[in-house]
Amino acid sequence: MINVTIWNEFEHEKTDDEVKAIYPNGIHVALAEGMNGHGFAISTATLDQDEHGLTEEVLKSTDVLLWWGHQAHDRVNDEIVARVVKRVHEGMGLIVLHSGHFSKPFKALMGTSCDLKWREAGEQEIIWNVNPSHPIAEGVDSKLILEHEEMYGEFFDIPTPDELVFISNFEGGEVFRSGCTFRRGQGKIFYFRPGHETYPTYYNPEILKVITNAVKWAYPTSSPAPVYGNSQPIRELKIPVV
């Protein structure tokens, strides 16, 4: 059983009628329902909860954390950000969705601005599977077509990904690295671009398949944590140890 926590700032759904009509119970609930039945124990957390729903106890029991944020990045408490980053370094998986590229935890883990070009015009996006043997791409078609999405375009100011799984092209001509993996400490990170709040992207079975695969890929390994600091020799030295 993989313990998954889905974090959503849950702001647009309460204030924007268009978003509310698509995700009446919140993006986090739509994701939780769409990911049900895959061997996950799913819980959700939102910005307005105490400690944003990400207490020490919650994060300690979380194997993989999903993060969706957009208009309230600056309202996420820095202490909670540090808590999330620490858990990733300890081995917790992190799946960052869409505008979560600008979230405090992702920027802290990337060490860059994570800025990009964008345009909200409801144009077609084709997501190309460029790494079909990768676990995140298992069972995923060679291309996923979203008829309406927000455009994200290069240059995307992130470190060079460890692996590129998907790239997108848009009706207006731009391209984007839309599925990227990273490793930080013991933790695995996957950034996945689709998911603007005014489109029903998180009801799309193909998109949910990618996210489900990503959770399984990001699940912590059973390898022992590295040991740091002063170390005794593993066999007898022929010279005195200073």
Protein backbone atom coordinates (compact mmCIF):
# COMPACT_ATOMS: atom_id res chain seq x y z
CA MET A 1 0.00 0.00 0.00
CA ILE A 2 1.42 3.38 -1.06
CA ASN A 3 0.45 6.28 1.20
CA VAL A 4 -0.33 9.25 -1.04
CA THR A 5 -1.10 12.79 0.10
CA ILE A 6 -2.62 15.14 -2.48
CA TRP A 7 -2.01 18.80 -1.65
CA ASN A 8 -4.07 21.47 -3.37
CA GLU A 9 -4.24 25.13 -2.41
CA PHE A 10 -8.04 24.89 -3.05
CA GLU A 11 -8.58 28.58 -3.81
CA HIS A 12 -9.88 28.86 -7.40
CA GLU A 13 -12.58 26.28 -6.77
CA LYS A 14 -14.08 28.46 -4.03
CA THR A 15 -13.87 31.83 -5.79
CA ASP A 16 -14.16 31.22 -9.55
CA ASP A 17 -17.49 29.93 -10.89
CA GLU A 18 -15.87 28.48 -14.03
CA VAL A 19 -13.42 26.43 -12.00
CA LYS A 20 -16.09 25.48 -9.46
CA ALA A 21 -18.24 24.07 -12.26
CA ILE A 22 -15.40 21.78 -13.39
CA TYR A 23 -14.01 20.81 -9.99
CA PRO A 24 -16.91 21.39 -7.56
CA ASN A 25 -15.18 19.55 -4.72
CA GLY A 26 -11.66 20.68 -5.59
CA ILE A 27 -8.86 19.44 -7.82
CA HIS A 28 -7.54 17.34 -4.94
CA VAL A 29 -10.82 15.41 -4.70
CA ALA A 30 -10.97 14.87 -8.48
CA LEU A 31 -7.43 13.48 -8.41
CA ALA A 32 -8.14 11.28 -5.39
CA GLU A 33 -11.23 9.81 -7.05
CA GLY A 34 -9.43 9.33 -10.37
CA MET A 35 -6.50 7.54 -8.71
CA ASN A 36 -8.64 5.28 -6.56
CA GLY A 37 -8.24 1.54 -6.97
CA HIS A 38 -4.50 1.41 -7.68
CA GLY A 39 -3.27 0.21 -4.31
CA PHE A 40 -3.01 3.70 -2.86
CA ALA A 41 -4.11 4.93 0.56
CA ILE A 42 -5.02 8.50 -0.41
CA SER A 43 -5.48 11.52 1.84
CA THR A 44 -5.78 15.18 0.93
CA ALA A 45 -4.53 18.45 2.38
CA THR A 46 -5.26 22.10 1.58
CA LEU A 47 -3.80 25.52 2.22
CA ASP A 48 -6.39 26.66 4.76
CA GLN A 49 -5.90 23.71 7.12
CA ASP A 50 -3.69 24.00 10.18
CA GLU A 51 -0.07 23.73 9.01
CA HIS A 52 -1.58 23.51 5.49
CA GLY A 53 -2.54 19.96 6.36
CA LEU A 54 1.12 18.96 6.22
CA THR A 55 2.01 18.28 9.83
CA GLU A 56 5.12 16.38 10.81
CA GLU A 57 2.94 13.31 11.37
CA VAL A 58 1.25 13.57 7.97
CA LEU A 59 4.51 13.98 6.06
CA LYS A 60 6.24 11.24 8.03
CA SER A 61 3.53 8.81 6.93
CA THR A 62 3.45 10.06 3.31
CA ASP A 63 5.26 7.97 0.71
CA VAL A 64 4.42 10.27 -2.22
CA LEU A 65 3.16 13.85 -2.12
CA LEU A 66 1.28 15.45 -5.05
CA TRP A 67 1.34 19.25 -5.24
CA TRP A 68 -1.00 21.60 -7.11
CA GLY A 69 -0.84 25.35 -6.53
CA HIS A 70 -1.34 28.50 -8.54
CA GLN A 71 -2.46 31.81 -7.04
CA ALA A 72 -1.37 31.34 -3.43
CA HIS A 73 2.26 30.21 -3.64
CA ASP A 74 3.34 33.11 -1.42
CA ARG A 75 0.92 32.08 1.33
CA VAL A 76 2.63 28.74 1.92
CA ASN A 77 4.53 28.98 5.19
CA ASP A 78 8.30 28.69 4.82
CA GLU A 79 8.48 26.32 7.78
CA ILE A 80 6.16 23.90 5.97
CA VAL A 81 8.23 24.29 2.79
CA ALA A 82 11.38 23.33 4.67
CA ARG A 83 9.52 20.36 6.14
CA VAL A 84 8.51 19.13 2.67
CA VAL A 85 12.00 19.61 1.24
CA LYS A 86 13.53 17.70 4.17
CA ARG A 87 11.15 14.79 3.63
CA VAL A 88 12.02 14.64 -0.07
CA HIS A 89 15.71 14.44 0.80
CA GLU A 90 14.84 11.65 3.23
CA GLY A 91 13.09 9.68 0.47
CA MET A 92 9.51 10.90 0.06
CA GLY A 93 8.43 11.09 -3.57
CA LEU A 94 7.10 14.39 -4.95
CA ILE A 95 4.83 14.84 -7.98
CA VAL A 96 4.52 18.50 -8.99
CA LEU A 97 1.59 19.30 -11.26
CA HIS A 98 1.06 22.16 -13.72
CA SER A 99 1.47 25.58 -12.06
CA GLY A 100 3.14 23.90 -9.10
CA HIS A 101 6.33 24.68 -11.04
CA PHE A 102 6.24 28.02 -9.20
CA SER A 103 5.57 26.51 -5.78
CA LYS A 104 8.04 27.17 -2.99
CA PRO A 105 8.97 23.49 -2.47
CA PHE A 106 9.70 22.89 -6.17
CA LYS A 107 11.76 26.08 -6.51
CA ALA A 108 13.70 25.22 -3.36
CA LEU A 109 14.48 21.73 -4.67
CA MET A 110 15.42 22.97 -8.15
CA GLY A 111 17.48 25.98 -7.04
CA THR A 112 16.32 28.02 -10.05
CA SER A 113 13.52 30.48 -10.86
CA CYS A 114 11.41 27.74 -12.55
CA ASP A 115 9.97 30.50 -14.78
CA LEU A 116 8.54 29.92 -18.26
CA LYS A 117 6.38 31.41 -21.02
CA TRP A 118 2.60 30.97 -20.81
CA ARG A 119 -0.59 31.82 -22.65
CA GLU A 120 -4.17 31.01 -21.74
CA ALA A 121 -5.99 30.53 -25.04
CA GLY A 122 -7.52 27.07 -24.78
CA GLU A 123 -5.37 25.66 -27.55
CA GLN A 124 -4.55 22.08 -28.42
CA GLU A 125 -1.61 20.40 -26.68
CA ILE A 126 0.02 17.22 -27.95
CA ILE A 127 2.08 15.48 -25.27
CA TRP A 128 4.70 13.24 -26.89
CA ASN A 129 6.02 10.16 -25.13
CA VAL A 130 9.77 10.44 -25.74
CA ASN A 131 10.88 7.80 -23.23
CA PRO A 132 8.48 4.87 -23.76
CA SER A 133 10.53 2.38 -21.72
CA HIS A 134 10.38 4.58 -18.61
CA PRO A 135 8.13 3.30 -15.78
CA ILE A 136 6.14 6.56 -15.83
CA ALA A 137 5.31 5.92 -19.50
CA GLU A 138 4.20 2.32 -19.00
CA GLY A 139 0.98 1.68 -20.92
CA VAL A 140 0.91 5.26 -22.21
CA ASP A 141 0.31 5.93 -25.91
CA SER A 142 2.95 7.54 -28.11
CA LYS A 143 1.05 10.82 -27.88
CA LEU A 144 -1.69 12.28 -25.67
CA ILE A 145 -3.90 14.96 -27.22
CA LEU A 146 -5.61 17.58 -25.06
CA GLU A 147 -7.93 19.70 -27.16
CA HIS A 148 -7.86 22.64 -24.74
CA GLU A 149 -5.08 23.57 -22.36
CA GLU A 150 -3.01 26.51 -21.17
CA MET A 151 0.23 26.92 -23.10
CA TYR A 152 3.57 26.63 -21.32
CA GLY A 153 6.62 27.36 -23.47
CA GLU A 154 10.39 27.23 -23.35
CA PHE A 155 12.65 28.39 -21.98
CA PHE A 156 11.69 26.56 -18.77
CA ASP A 157 14.23 27.63 -16.16
CA ILE A 158 14.88 24.32 -14.42
CA PRO A 159 18.07 22.28 -14.03
CA THR A 160 18.65 19.75 -16.78
CA PRO A 161 16.26 16.90 -15.91
CA ASP A 162 17.67 13.52 -14.95
CA GLU A 163 15.22 12.05 -17.47
CA LEU A 164 12.84 13.57 -19.99
CA VAL A 165 9.70 11.47 -20.33
CA PHE A 166 7.31 13.79 -22.21
CA ILE A 167 7.54 16.90 -24.38
CA SER A 168 4.61 18.98 -25.59
CA ASN A 169 3.87 21.08 -28.62
CA PHE A 170 1.06 23.62 -28.79
CA GLU A 171 -1.23 24.90 -31.49
CA GLY A 172 0.48 28.29 -31.34
CA GLY A 173 3.88 26.75 -32.12
CA GLU A 174 5.64 26.50 -28.76
CA VAL A 175 7.28 23.38 -27.31
CA PHE A 176 7.79 22.46 -23.66
CA ARG A 177 9.52 19.82 -21.53
CA SER A 178 6.31 18.61 -19.97
CA GLY A 179 7.42 15.48 -18.08
CA CYS A 180 10.71 15.68 -16.20
CA THR A 181 12.29 13.61 -13.44
CA PHE A 182 14.79 14.69 -10.81
CA ARG A 183 16.45 13.15 -7.78
CA ARG A 184 17.23 15.05 -4.62
CA GLY A 185 18.83 13.14 -1.77
CA GLN A 186 16.91 9.88 -1.42
CA GLY A 187 13.77 11.31 -3.01
CA LYS A 188 12.43 11.17 -6.57
CA ILE A 189 10.58 14.10 -8.18
CA PHE A 190 8.38 14.18 -11.27
CA TYR A 191 7.10 17.41 -12.82
CA PHE A 192 4.07 16.98 -15.12
CA ARG A 193 2.75 20.00 -17.01
CA PRO A 194 -0.98 19.47 -17.84
CA GLY A 195 -3.75 20.55 -15.49
CA HIS A 196 -4.94 24.15 -15.81
CA GLU A 197 -7.86 24.73 -13.49
CA THR A 198 -10.36 25.82 -16.17
CA TYR A 199 -10.08 22.58 -18.15
CA PRO A 200 -11.20 19.08 -17.09
CA THR A 201 -7.71 17.63 -17.58
CA TYR A 202 -7.71 15.66 -14.32
CA TYR A 203 -10.69 13.60 -15.46
CA ASN A 204 -8.75 12.40 -18.52
CA PRO A 205 -7.91 8.67 -18.06
CA GLU A 206 -4.61 9.02 -19.95
CA ILE A 207 -3.44 11.89 -17.75
CA LEU A 208 -4.48 9.96 -14.64
CA LYS A 209 -2.54 6.96 -15.96
CA VAL A 210 0.65 9.03 -16.14
CA ILE A 211 0.13 10.41 -12.63
CA THR A 212 -0.62 6.94 -11.26
CA ASN A 213 2.54 5.57 -12.88
CA ALA A 214 4.53 8.48 -11.47
CA VAL A 215 3.35 7.75 -7.94
CA LYS A 216 4.49 4.13 -8.25
CA TRP A 217 7.85 5.25 -9.68
CA ALA A 218 8.38 7.84 -6.93
CA TYR A 219 7.62 5.41 -4.11
CA PRO A 220 10.63 5.35 -1.77
CA THR A 221 13.13 2.55 -2.18
CA SER A 222 14.05 0.23 0.68
CA SER A 223 17.75 1.09 0.40
CA PRO A 224 19.35 2.22 3.66
CA ALA A 225 19.97 5.94 4.00
CA PRO A 226 23.56 7.11 3.37
CA VAL A 227 25.77 7.49 6.43
CA TYR A 228 27.75 10.73 6.68
CA GLY A 229 30.45 12.14 8.96
CA ASN A 230 33.63 10.73 10.40
CA SER A 231 34.10 7.10 9.36
CA GLN A 232 36.26 4.31 10.71
CA PRO A 233 38.20 2.18 8.18
CA ILE A 234 36.53 -1.03 7.06
CA ARG A 235 39.84 -2.90 7.22
CA GLU A 236 43.02 -2.36 9.21
CA LEU A 237 45.20 0.49 7.98
CA LYS A 238 48.97 0.10 7.67
CA ILE A 239 49.46 3.69 8.73
CA PRO A 240 48.34 5.32 11.97
CA VAL A 241 44.94 7.01 11.81
CA VAL A 242 45.34 10.69 12.64
